[in-house]
């Protein structure tokens, strides 16, 4: 038995349904990042947003960008943020963040930005932009690991040194007290 091209009840393709699901997860988790009070949960929602974005990249036919999204943003940035939060929180600090007083101006700015983006998207002639483009990941990998291997390794060592320095600073006890 084969799966039909369209979802029987909804009448849309499976790709469209998957995109709507990933977009909903992305928007929902992005809203949770800025509205949750617990900063650890905000970090976990950030990881979910990055994961949904990686799924959208895969659907667009850019697996290398999706892999970079997972490795760099989920594997490094988000985890580093979570570790930094967990290591640097004082024991007597409040566990939950207090809401900021700029909620109304931020809402107005977000609505204005959303209107500008919507107007820009509707006024643009997309042409062939919406079609999937085959990516030459093998050529990019050869270039990255042959010609630019030294800068890649230097950046990785610098990131490792930054993580070790952050852990050292976070674990250092207050000697003045």
C-alpha atoms as a PDB file:
ATOM      1  CA  UNK A   1       0.000   0.000   0.000  1.00  0.00           C
ATOM      2  CA  UNK A   2       1.399   3.388  -0.969  1.00  0.00           C
ATOM      3  CA  UNK A   3       0.822   6.682   0.754  1.00  0.00           C
ATOM      4  CA  UNK A   4      -1.169   9.175  -1.340  1.00  0.00           C
ATOM      5  CA  UNK A   5       0.477  12.459  -2.406  1.00  0.00           C
ATOM      6  CA  UNK A   6      -2.062  14.534  -0.505  1.00  0.00           C
ATOM      7  CA  UNK A   7      -3.418  14.234   3.004  1.00  0.00           C
ATOM      8  CA  UNK A   8      -6.878  12.673   2.553  1.00  0.00           C
ATOM      9  CA  UNK A   9      -8.783  14.856   5.005  1.00  0.00           C
ATOM     10  CA  UNK A  10      -7.012  18.179   4.467  1.00  0.00           C
ATOM     11  CA  UNK A  11      -6.404  18.085   0.707  1.00  0.00           C
ATOM     12  CA  UNK A  12      -2.845  19.452   0.992  1.00  0.00           C
ATOM     13  CA  UNK A  13       0.453  17.765   0.227  1.00  0.00           C
ATOM     14  CA  UNK A  14       2.497  16.087   2.924  1.00  0.00           C
ATOM     15  CA  UNK A  15       5.326  18.587   2.343  1.00  0.00           C
ATOM     16  CA  UNK A  16       2.976  21.484   3.000  1.00  0.00           C
ATOM     17  CA  UNK A  17       1.659  19.817   6.139  1.00  0.00           C
ATOM     18  CA  UNK A  18       5.189  19.166   7.408  1.00  0.00           C
ATOM     19  CA  UNK A  19       6.167  22.768   6.678  1.00  0.00           C
ATOM     20  CA  UNK A  20       3.120  24.072   8.549  1.00  0.00           C
ATOM     21  CA  UNK A  21       3.972  21.843  11.501  1.00  0.00           C
ATOM     22  CA  UNK A  22       7.620  22.968  11.584  1.00  0.00           C
ATOM     23  CA  UNK A  23       6.641  26.615  11.158  1.00  0.00           C
ATOM     24  CA  UNK A  24       4.136  26.296  13.996  1.00  0.00           C
ATOM     25  CA  UNK A  25       6.747  24.697  16.254  1.00  0.00           C
ATOM     26  CA  UNK A  26       9.236  27.427  15.303  1.00  0.00           C
ATOM     27  CA  UNK A  27       6.832  30.288  15.987  1.00  0.00           C
ATOM     28  CA  UNK A  28       5.439  28.728  19.153  1.00  0.00           C
ATOM     29  CA  UNK A  29       8.826  27.998  20.663  1.00  0.00           C
ATOM     30  CA  UNK A  30      10.130  31.444  19.658  1.00  0.00           C
ATOM     31  CA  UNK A  31       7.207  32.993  21.514  1.00  0.00           C
ATOM     32  CA  UNK A  32       7.978  30.792  24.507  1.00  0.00           C
ATOM     33  CA  UNK A  33      11.595  32.004  24.464  1.00  0.00           C
ATOM     34  CA  UNK A  34      10.504  35.584  25.065  1.00  0.00           C
ATOM     35  CA  UNK A  35       7.496  34.968  27.313  1.00  0.00           C
ATOM     36  CA  UNK A  36       8.488  32.188  29.726  1.00  0.00           C
ATOM     37  CA  UNK A  37       9.595  33.260  33.172  1.00  0.00           C
ATOM     38  CA  UNK A  38      12.005  30.402  33.886  1.00  0.00           C
ATOM     39  CA  UNK A  39      15.275  31.043  32.054  1.00  0.00           C
ATOM     40  CA  UNK A  40      16.149  27.349  31.741  1.00  0.00           C
ATOM     41  CA  UNK A  41      12.844  26.675  30.003  1.00  0.00           C
ATOM     42  CA  UNK A  42      13.551  29.660  27.739  1.00  0.00           C
ATOM     43  CA  UNK A  43      16.819  27.978  26.731  1.00  0.00           C
ATOM     44  CA  UNK A  44      15.064  24.694  26.025  1.00  0.00           C
ATOM     45  CA  UNK A  45      12.471  26.513  23.904  1.00  0.00           C
ATOM     46  CA  UNK A  46      15.376  28.113  22.021  1.00  0.00           C
ATOM     47  CA  UNK A  47      16.750  24.648  21.260  1.00  0.00           C
ATOM     48  CA  UNK A  48      13.304  23.610  19.950  1.00  0.00           C
ATOM     49  CA  UNK A  49      13.158  26.715  17.728  1.00  0.00           C
ATOM     50  CA  UNK A  50      16.605  25.953  16.319  1.00  0.00           C
ATOM     51  CA  UNK A  51      15.585  22.337  15.662  1.00  0.00           C
ATOM     52  CA  UNK A  52      12.437  23.360  13.797  1.00  0.00           C
ATOM     53  CA  UNK A  53      14.488  25.785  11.707  1.00  0.00           C
ATOM     54  CA  UNK A  54      16.896  22.970  10.843  1.00  0.00           C
ATOM     55  CA  UNK A  55      13.915  20.901   9.693  1.00  0.00           C
ATOM     56  CA  UNK A  56      12.783  23.744   7.444  1.00  0.00           C
ATOM     57  CA  UNK A  57      16.298  23.937   5.980  1.00  0.00           C
ATOM     58  CA  UNK A  58      16.123  20.219   5.170  1.00  0.00           C
ATOM     59  CA  UNK A  59      12.783  20.746   3.434  1.00  0.00           C
ATOM     60  CA  UNK A  60      14.314  23.552   1.367  1.00  0.00           C
ATOM     61  CA  UNK A  61      16.969  21.183   0.073  1.00  0.00           C
ATOM     62  CA  UNK A  62      19.875  22.603   2.075  1.00  0.00           C
ATOM     63  CA  UNK A  63      21.124  19.704   4.202  1.00  0.00           C
ATOM     64  CA  UNK A  64      24.507  21.315   4.847  1.00  0.00           C
ATOM     65  CA  UNK A  65      22.882  24.428   6.275  1.00  0.00           C
ATOM     66  CA  UNK A  66      20.611  22.213   8.389  1.00  0.00           C
ATOM     67  CA  UNK A  67      23.611  20.257   9.677  1.00  0.00           C
ATOM     68  CA  UNK A  68      25.410  23.511  10.490  1.00  0.00           C
ATOM     69  CA  UNK A  69      22.265  24.726  12.269  1.00  0.00           C
ATOM     70  CA  UNK A  70      22.186  21.616  14.420  1.00  0.00           C
ATOM     71  CA  UNK A  71      25.924  21.530  15.108  1.00  0.00           C
ATOM     72  CA  UNK A  72      26.559  25.219  15.651  1.00  0.00           C
ATOM     73  CA  UNK A  73      23.347  26.593  17.088  1.00  0.00           C
ATOM     74  CA  UNK A  74      21.890  23.618  18.934  1.00  0.00           C
ATOM     75  CA  UNK A  75      25.112  21.793  19.715  1.00  0.00           C
ATOM     76  CA  UNK A  76      27.228  24.777  20.632  1.00  0.00           C
ATOM     77  CA  UNK A  77      25.417  28.072  21.152  1.00  0.00           C
ATOM     78  CA  UNK A  78      22.256  26.884  22.913  1.00  0.00           C
ATOM     79  CA  UNK A  79      24.067  24.340  25.060  1.00  0.00           C
ATOM     80  CA  UNK A  80      26.705  26.946  25.944  1.00  0.00           C
ATOM     81  CA  UNK A  81      23.960  29.388  26.924  1.00  0.00           C
ATOM     82  CA  UNK A  82      22.288  26.754  29.103  1.00  0.00           C
ATOM     83  CA  UNK A  83      25.580  25.804  30.771  1.00  0.00           C
ATOM     84  CA  UNK A  84      26.452  29.461  31.335  1.00  0.00           C
ATOM     85  CA  UNK A  85      23.071  30.066  32.952  1.00  0.00           C
ATOM     86  CA  UNK A  86      23.354  27.009  35.156  1.00  0.00           C
ATOM     87  CA  UNK A  87      26.936  27.709  36.202  1.00  0.00           C
ATOM     88  CA  UNK A  88      26.659  31.440  36.830  1.00  0.00           C
ATOM     89  CA  UNK A  89      23.374  31.641  38.712  1.00  0.00           C
ATOM     90  CA  UNK A  90      23.956  32.602  42.306  1.00  0.00           C
ATOM     91  CA  UNK A  91      22.563  30.258  44.891  1.00  0.00           C
ATOM     92  CA  UNK A  92      20.517  33.028  46.504  1.00  0.00           C
ATOM     93  CA  UNK A  93      19.265  34.537  43.209  1.00  0.00           C
ATOM     94  CA  UNK A  94      15.614  34.191  42.234  1.00  0.00           C
ATOM     95  CA  UNK A  95      14.950  31.151  40.089  1.00  0.00           C
ATOM     96  CA  UNK A  96      12.387  32.892  37.895  1.00  0.00           C
ATOM     97  CA  UNK A  97      12.923  36.074  35.936  1.00  0.00           C
ATOM     98  CA  UNK A  98      10.668  39.039  36.557  1.00  0.00           C
ATOM     99  CA  UNK A  99       8.759  40.469  33.630  1.00  0.00           C
ATOM    100  CA  UNK A 100      10.312  43.515  32.079  1.00  0.00           C
ATOM    101  CA  UNK A 101       8.551  46.863  32.052  1.00  0.00           C
ATOM    102  CA  UNK A 102       9.014  47.313  28.296  1.00  0.00           C
ATOM    103  CA  UNK A 103       6.272  44.857  27.292  1.00  0.00           C
ATOM    104  CA  UNK A 104       3.997  47.460  25.660  1.00  0.00           C
ATOM    105  CA  UNK A 105       6.706  49.179  23.568  1.00  0.00           C
ATOM    106  CA  UNK A 106       8.091  45.781  22.591  1.00  0.00           C
ATOM    107  CA  UNK A 107       4.641  44.642  21.447  1.00  0.00           C
ATOM    108  CA  UNK A 108       4.182  47.804  19.374  1.00  0.00           C
ATOM    109  CA  UNK A 109       7.627  47.362  17.803  1.00  0.00           C
ATOM    110  CA  UNK A 110       6.906  43.691  17.042  1.00  0.00           C
ATOM    111  CA  UNK A 111       3.590  44.531  15.352  1.00  0.00           C
ATOM    112  CA  UNK A 112       5.217  47.293  13.268  1.00  0.00           C
ATOM    113  CA  UNK A 113       8.014  44.931  12.259  1.00  0.00           C
ATOM    114  CA  UNK A 114       5.518  42.193  11.351  1.00  0.00           C
ATOM    115  CA  UNK A 115       3.564  44.628   9.150  1.00  0.00           C
ATOM    116  CA  UNK A 116       6.769  45.739   7.402  1.00  0.00           C
ATOM    117  CA  UNK A 117       7.835  42.135   6.776  1.00  0.00           C
ATOM    118  CA  UNK A 118       4.357  41.203   5.499  1.00  0.00           C
ATOM    119  CA  UNK A 119       4.320  44.174   3.130  1.00  0.00           C
ATOM    120  CA  UNK A 120       7.812  43.319   1.889  1.00  0.00           C
ATOM    121  CA  UNK A 121       6.933  39.673   1.289  1.00  0.00           C
ATOM    122  CA  UNK A 122       3.733  40.467  -0.586  1.00  0.00           C
ATOM    123  CA  UNK A 123       5.351  43.196  -2.705  1.00  0.00           C
ATOM    124  CA  UNK A 124       8.288  41.014  -3.836  1.00  0.00           C
ATOM    125  CA  UNK A 125       8.216  39.136  -7.135  1.00  0.00           C
ATOM    126  CA  UNK A 126       9.703  35.838  -6.019  1.00  0.00           C
ATOM    127  CA  UNK A 127       9.976  34.235  -9.470  1.00  0.00           C
ATOM    128  CA  UNK A 128      12.170  31.164  -9.264  1.00  0.00           C
ATOM    129  CA  UNK A 129      13.309  31.784  -5.701  1.00  0.00           C
ATOM    130  CA  UNK A 130      10.718  29.394  -4.311  1.00  0.00           C
ATOM    131  CA  UNK A 131      12.047  26.447  -6.303  1.00  0.00           C
ATOM    132  CA  UNK A 132      14.444  24.099  -4.627  1.00  0.00           C
ATOM    133  CA  UNK A 133      18.070  24.527  -5.570  1.00  0.00           C
ATOM    134  CA  UNK A 134      20.530  21.656  -5.536  1.00  0.00           C
ATOM    135  CA  UNK A 135      23.441  22.413  -3.238  1.00  0.00           C
ATOM    136  CA  UNK A 136      26.972  21.367  -4.026  1.00  0.00           C
ATOM    137  CA  UNK A 137      27.862  20.167  -0.547  1.00  0.00           C
ATOM    138  CA  UNK A 138      30.760  18.052  -1.753  1.00  0.00           C
ATOM    139  CA  UNK A 139      32.462  21.081  -3.333  1.00  0.00           C
ATOM    140  CA  UNK A 140      31.919  23.129  -0.173  1.00  0.00           C
ATOM    141  CA  UNK A 141      33.260  20.335   2.032  1.00  0.00           C
ATOM    142  CA  UNK A 142      36.367  19.936  -0.136  1.00  0.00           C
ATOM    143  CA  UNK A 143      36.982  23.669  -0.017  1.00  0.00           C
ATOM    144  CA  UNK A 144      36.435  23.862   3.739  1.00  0.00           C
ATOM    145  CA  UNK A 145      38.581  20.859   4.662  1.00  0.00           C
ATOM    146  CA  UNK A 146      41.344  21.369   2.081  1.00  0.00           C
ATOM    147  CA  UNK A 147      41.910  25.089   1.636  1.00  0.00           C
ATOM    148  CA  UNK A 148      40.490  26.433   4.920  1.00  0.00           C
ATOM    149  CA  UNK A 149      41.400  23.665   7.355  1.00  0.00           C
ATOM    150  CA  UNK A 150      43.805  25.835   9.382  1.00  0.00           C
ATOM    151  CA  UNK A 151      41.284  28.654  10.058  1.00  0.00           C
ATOM    152  CA  UNK A 152      38.664  26.024  10.920  1.00  0.00           C
ATOM    153  CA  UNK A 153      40.947  24.423  13.500  1.00  0.00           C
ATOM    154  CA  UNK A 154      42.000  27.818  14.919  1.00  0.00           C
ATOM    155  CA  UNK A 155      38.360  28.766  15.455  1.00  0.00           C
ATOM    156  CA  UNK A 156      37.645  25.425  17.128  1.00  0.00           C
ATOM    157  CA  UNK A 157      40.593  25.866  19.524  1.00  0.00           C
ATOM    158  CA  UNK A 158      39.476  29.433  20.320  1.00  0.00           C
ATOM    159  CA  UNK A 159      35.943  28.239  21.077  1.00  0.00           C
ATOM    160  CA  UNK A 160      37.308  25.499  23.321  1.00  0.00           C
ATOM    161  CA  UNK A 161      39.474  28.034  25.176  1.00  0.00           C
ATOM    162  CA  UNK A 162      36.438  30.314  25.618  1.00  0.00           C
ATOM    163  CA  UNK A 163      34.371  27.464  27.076  1.00  0.00           C
ATOM    164  CA  UNK A 164      37.160  26.443  29.456  1.00  0.00           C
ATOM    165  CA  UNK A 165      37.641  30.081  30.521  1.00  0.00           C
ATOM    166  CA  UNK A 166      33.901  30.487  31.107  1.00  0.00           C
ATOM    167  CA  UNK A 167      33.770  27.368  33.265  1.00  0.00           C
ATOM    168  CA  UNK A 168      36.842  28.525  35.202  1.00  0.00           C
ATOM    169  CA  UNK A 169      35.334  31.968  35.843  1.00  0.00           C
ATOM    170  CA  UNK A 170      31.993  30.477  36.839  1.00  0.00           C
ATOM    171  CA  UNK A 171      33.512  28.001  39.293  1.00  0.00           C
ATOM    172  CA  UNK A 172      35.974  30.453  40.848  1.00  0.00           C
ATOM    173  CA  UNK A 173      35.041  31.218  44.427  1.00  0.00           C
ATOM    174  CA  UNK A 174      34.807  34.754  45.729  1.00  0.00           C
ATOM    175  CA  UNK A 175      38.125  35.404  47.475  1.00  0.00           C
ATOM    176  CA  UNK A 176      37.120  38.860  48.777  1.00  0.00           C
ATOM    177  CA  UNK A 177      34.438  37.512  51.113  1.00  0.00           C
END
